N, C-alpha and C. Protein backbone atom coordinates (compact mmCIF):
# COMPACT_ATOMS: atom_id res chain seq x y z
N MET A 1 14.34 -0.54 18.37
CA MET A 1 13.89 -1.75 18.09
C MET A 1 14.08 -2.39 17.31
N SER A 2 13.52 -3.28 16.96
CA SER A 2 14.07 -4.07 15.87
C SER A 2 12.48 -4.45 15.07
N PHE A 3 12.28 -4.26 13.55
CA PHE A 3 11.47 -4.49 13.45
C PHE A 3 11.31 -5.33 11.67
N ASN A 4 11.02 -6.53 11.78
CA ASN A 4 11.31 -7.08 11.01
C ASN A 4 10.28 -7.04 9.48
N TYR A 5 10.34 -7.32 9.04
CA TYR A 5 9.06 -7.96 7.78
C TYR A 5 9.60 -8.16 6.25
N ASP A 6 9.42 -8.96 5.66
CA ASP A 6 9.39 -9.38 4.04
C ASP A 6 8.75 -9.49 3.06
N ILE A 7 9.72 -8.45 2.23
CA ILE A 7 8.31 -8.38 1.04
C ILE A 7 8.40 -9.57 0.15
N LYS A 8 6.88 -9.84 0.17
CA LYS A 8 6.55 -10.62 -0.72
C LYS A 8 6.40 -11.25 -2.23
N GLU A 9 5.68 -9.88 -1.65
CA GLU A 9 5.29 -9.03 -4.10
C GLU A 9 5.16 -7.63 -4.09
N THR A 10 5.98 -6.86 -4.77
CA THR A 10 5.70 -5.68 -5.27
C THR A 10 4.00 -5.66 -6.44
N ILE A 11 3.11 -4.76 -6.14
CA ILE A 11 2.00 -5.40 -7.06
C ILE A 11 1.91 -4.22 -7.86
N GLY A 12 2.71 -3.10 -6.98
CA GLY A 12 3.12 -1.68 -8.18
C GLY A 12 3.10 -0.61 -7.78
N ILE A 13 3.81 0.57 -8.31
CA ILE A 13 3.89 1.58 -8.57
C ILE A 13 2.45 2.39 -8.99
N ILE A 14 2.32 3.59 -7.60
CA ILE A 14 1.08 4.40 -7.55
C ILE A 14 2.00 5.61 -8.26
N SER A 15 2.90 6.03 -7.51
CA SER A 15 3.67 7.41 -8.26
C SER A 15 5.18 7.19 -8.28
N LYS A 16 5.59 8.13 -8.47
CA LYS A 16 6.97 8.72 -8.65
C LYS A 16 6.93 10.18 -8.39
N LYS A 17 7.92 10.25 -7.68
CA LYS A 17 8.37 11.17 -7.27
C LYS A 17 10.12 11.76 -7.92
N LEU A 18 10.22 13.35 -8.84
CA LEU A 18 11.43 13.39 -8.61
C LEU A 18 12.85 13.11 -8.41
N ASN A 19 12.94 13.12 -6.68
CA ASN A 19 13.61 12.33 -6.04
C ASN A 19 13.47 10.82 -6.05
N GLY A 20 13.41 10.85 -6.72
CA GLY A 20 13.14 8.81 -6.83
C GLY A 20 11.79 8.24 -5.46
N GLU A 21 11.55 8.93 -4.63
CA GLU A 21 10.62 8.09 -4.15
C GLU A 21 9.19 7.76 -4.63
N THR A 22 8.78 6.61 -4.28
CA THR A 22 7.22 6.35 -5.15
C THR A 22 6.34 5.82 -3.98
N LEU A 23 5.20 5.64 -4.28
CA LEU A 23 4.58 4.91 -3.72
C LEU A 23 3.83 4.03 -4.06
N GLU A 24 4.16 2.83 -3.02
CA GLU A 24 3.93 1.13 -3.56
C GLU A 24 3.05 1.14 -2.91
N LEU A 25 2.40 -0.53 -3.97
CA LEU A 25 1.60 -0.93 -3.33
C LEU A 25 2.42 -2.62 -3.00
N LYS A 26 2.18 -3.02 -1.88
CA LYS A 26 3.13 -4.37 -1.66
C LYS A 26 1.65 -5.60 -1.15
N ILE A 27 2.85 -6.71 -1.02
CA ILE A 27 2.01 -7.53 0.21
C ILE A 27 3.85 -7.74 0.87
N ILE A 28 3.43 -7.35 1.84
CA ILE A 28 4.36 -7.53 2.44
C ILE A 28 3.99 -8.40 4.10
N ARG A 29 4.89 -9.85 4.67
CA ARG A 29 4.72 -10.45 5.73
C ARG A 29 5.30 -10.18 6.71
N TYR A 30 4.24 -9.21 8.19
CA TYR A 30 5.12 -9.59 9.22
C TYR A 30 4.47 -10.22 10.21
N GLY A 31 5.71 -10.92 10.53
CA GLY A 31 5.55 -12.13 11.58
C GLY A 31 4.80 -13.52 11.26
N ASN A 32 3.26 -13.36 11.28
CA ASN A 32 3.15 -14.76 11.08
C ASN A 32 2.41 -14.28 9.70
N TYR A 33 1.90 -13.54 9.12
CA TYR A 33 0.83 -12.24 8.52
C TYR A 33 1.13 -11.78 7.41
N ASP A 34 0.38 -12.05 6.74
CA ASP A 34 1.13 -11.64 5.03
C ASP A 34 0.16 -10.29 4.80
N LYS A 35 -0.21 -9.16 4.84
CA LYS A 35 -0.67 -7.93 4.48
C LYS A 35 -0.57 -7.36 3.14
N PHE A 36 -1.65 -6.50 3.44
CA PHE A 36 -1.09 -5.35 2.03
C PHE A 36 -0.98 -3.96 2.33
N ASP A 37 0.16 -3.76 2.08
CA ASP A 37 0.42 -2.56 2.65
C ASP A 37 1.15 -1.42 0.90
N LEU A 38 0.63 -0.28 1.51
CA LEU A 38 0.72 1.01 0.95
C LEU A 38 1.43 1.88 0.91
N ARG A 39 2.10 2.33 1.10
CA ARG A 39 3.15 3.27 1.71
C ARG A 39 4.01 3.90 0.73
N ARG A 40 5.59 5.16 1.21
CA ARG A 40 5.84 5.68 0.27
C ARG A 40 7.31 4.68 0.53
N TRP A 41 8.15 4.79 -0.24
CA TRP A 41 9.30 4.71 -0.06
C TRP A 41 10.38 5.13 -0.79
N SER A 42 11.69 5.65 -0.37
CA SER A 42 13.09 6.10 -0.89
C SER A 42 14.25 4.72 -1.17
N ASN A 43 14.75 4.53 -2.16
CA ASN A 43 15.20 3.43 -2.07
C ASN A 43 15.25 2.19 -1.79
N SER A 44 15.41 1.49 0.05
CA SER A 44 15.42 0.91 0.10
C SER A 44 14.59 1.25 2.28
N ILE A 45 14.17 2.74 2.24
CA ILE A 45 13.58 3.16 3.33
C ILE A 45 12.28 2.86 2.85
N MET A 46 11.38 2.41 4.37
CA MET A 46 10.60 2.79 4.16
C MET A 46 9.72 3.72 5.11
N TYR A 47 8.92 4.29 4.57
CA TYR A 47 7.83 5.55 5.10
C TYR A 47 6.82 5.02 6.01
N LYS A 48 5.89 5.39 7.27
CA LYS A 48 4.67 5.71 7.78
C LYS A 48 3.82 5.25 6.17
N GLY A 49 3.24 4.13 6.84
CA GLY A 49 2.29 3.75 5.35
C GLY A 49 0.82 3.43 5.92
N ILE A 50 0.08 2.47 5.60
CA ILE A 50 -1.58 1.22 6.08
C ILE A 50 -0.91 -0.02 5.40
N THR A 51 -1.41 -0.74 6.61
CA THR A 51 -1.25 -2.29 6.28
C THR A 51 -2.89 -2.26 6.38
N MET A 52 -3.06 -3.73 5.33
CA MET A 52 -4.71 -4.34 5.47
C MET A 52 -4.64 -5.66 4.78
N ASN A 53 -5.74 -6.68 5.83
CA ASN A 53 -5.88 -7.72 5.29
C ASN A 53 -7.11 -7.49 3.39
N LEU A 54 -7.38 -9.20 3.40
CA LEU A 54 -7.87 -8.85 2.12
C LEU A 54 -8.97 -8.38 1.95
N ASP A 55 -9.61 -8.89 3.52
CA ASP A 55 -11.04 -8.04 3.31
C ASP A 55 -11.65 -6.57 3.48
N GLU A 56 -10.53 -5.86 4.30
CA GLU A 56 -10.16 -4.52 4.33
C GLU A 56 -10.03 -4.00 3.08
N LEU A 57 -9.37 -5.01 1.99
CA LEU A 57 -8.98 -3.86 0.45
C LEU A 57 -9.76 -3.87 -0.44
N LYS A 58 -10.58 -5.31 -0.08
CA LYS A 58 -12.20 -5.06 -1.27
C LYS A 58 -12.63 -4.36 -0.68
N ALA A 59 -12.88 -3.80 1.29
CA ALA A 59 -13.20 -3.05 2.05
C ALA A 59 -13.17 -1.51 0.78
N LEU A 60 -11.96 -1.43 0.89
CA LEU A 60 -11.74 0.13 -0.02
C LEU A 60 -11.95 0.26 -1.16
N LYS A 61 -11.62 -1.46 -2.23
CA LYS A 61 -12.33 -1.34 -3.44
C LYS A 61 -13.37 -0.82 -3.27
N THR A 62 -14.64 -1.11 -2.86
CA THR A 62 -15.81 -1.20 -2.58
C THR A 62 -15.97 0.68 -2.84
N LEU A 63 -15.54 0.79 -1.77
CA LEU A 63 -16.14 2.19 -1.67
C LEU A 63 -15.19 3.20 -2.53
N LEU A 64 -13.92 3.40 -2.95
CA LEU A 64 -13.39 3.58 -3.89
C LEU A 64 -14.34 3.39 -5.70
N ASN A 65 -14.70 2.72 -5.88
CA ASN A 65 -15.43 2.42 -7.45
C ASN A 65 -16.82 3.16 -6.30
N GLN A 66 -17.41 3.35 -5.54
CA GLN A 66 -18.58 3.44 -5.29
C GLN A 66 -18.28 5.40 -5.83
N TYR A 67 -17.51 5.38 -4.62
CA TYR A 67 -17.61 7.49 -5.28
C TYR A 67 -17.02 7.59 -6.69
N LEU A 68 -16.32 6.86 -6.72
CA LEU A 68 -15.60 7.09 -8.06
C LEU A 68 -16.08 7.09 -9.42
N THR A 69 -17.35 6.46 -8.98
CA THR A 69 -18.24 6.43 -9.96
C THR A 69 -20.09 7.13 -9.62
N SER A 70 -19.36 8.30 -8.65
CA SER A 70 -20.73 9.29 -8.13
C SER A 70 -20.39 10.07 -8.91
N ASP A 71 -21.16 11.30 -8.58
CA ASP A 71 -20.82 12.49 -9.08
C ASP A 71 -19.83 13.44 -8.11
N ASN A 72 -19.98 12.66 -6.74
CA ASN A 72 -18.66 13.62 -5.82
C ASN A 72 -17.21 14.00 -6.17
N ASN A 73 -16.94 12.74 -7.47
CA ASN A 73 -15.44 13.43 -6.85
C ASN A 73 -14.64 14.49 -7.57
N PHE A 74 -14.01 14.33 -7.55
CA PHE A 74 -13.25 15.64 -7.87
C PHE A 74 -12.15 15.21 -9.07
């Protein structure tokens, strides 16, 4: 099974392990759609991750802002 994607932009690296594996947020084109993509990478190997459209990313941002400004965070 072939999986085609095109990395449009790397927004940033969230974390990096000693073995070089990174957790990155990118914009990736799947077929005819650009998606925000959050996943681990090792060299050019992509691991399981999640993809979101702009509305989903904004909703996640809102939830995180609410959580991080409350007394519930750790």
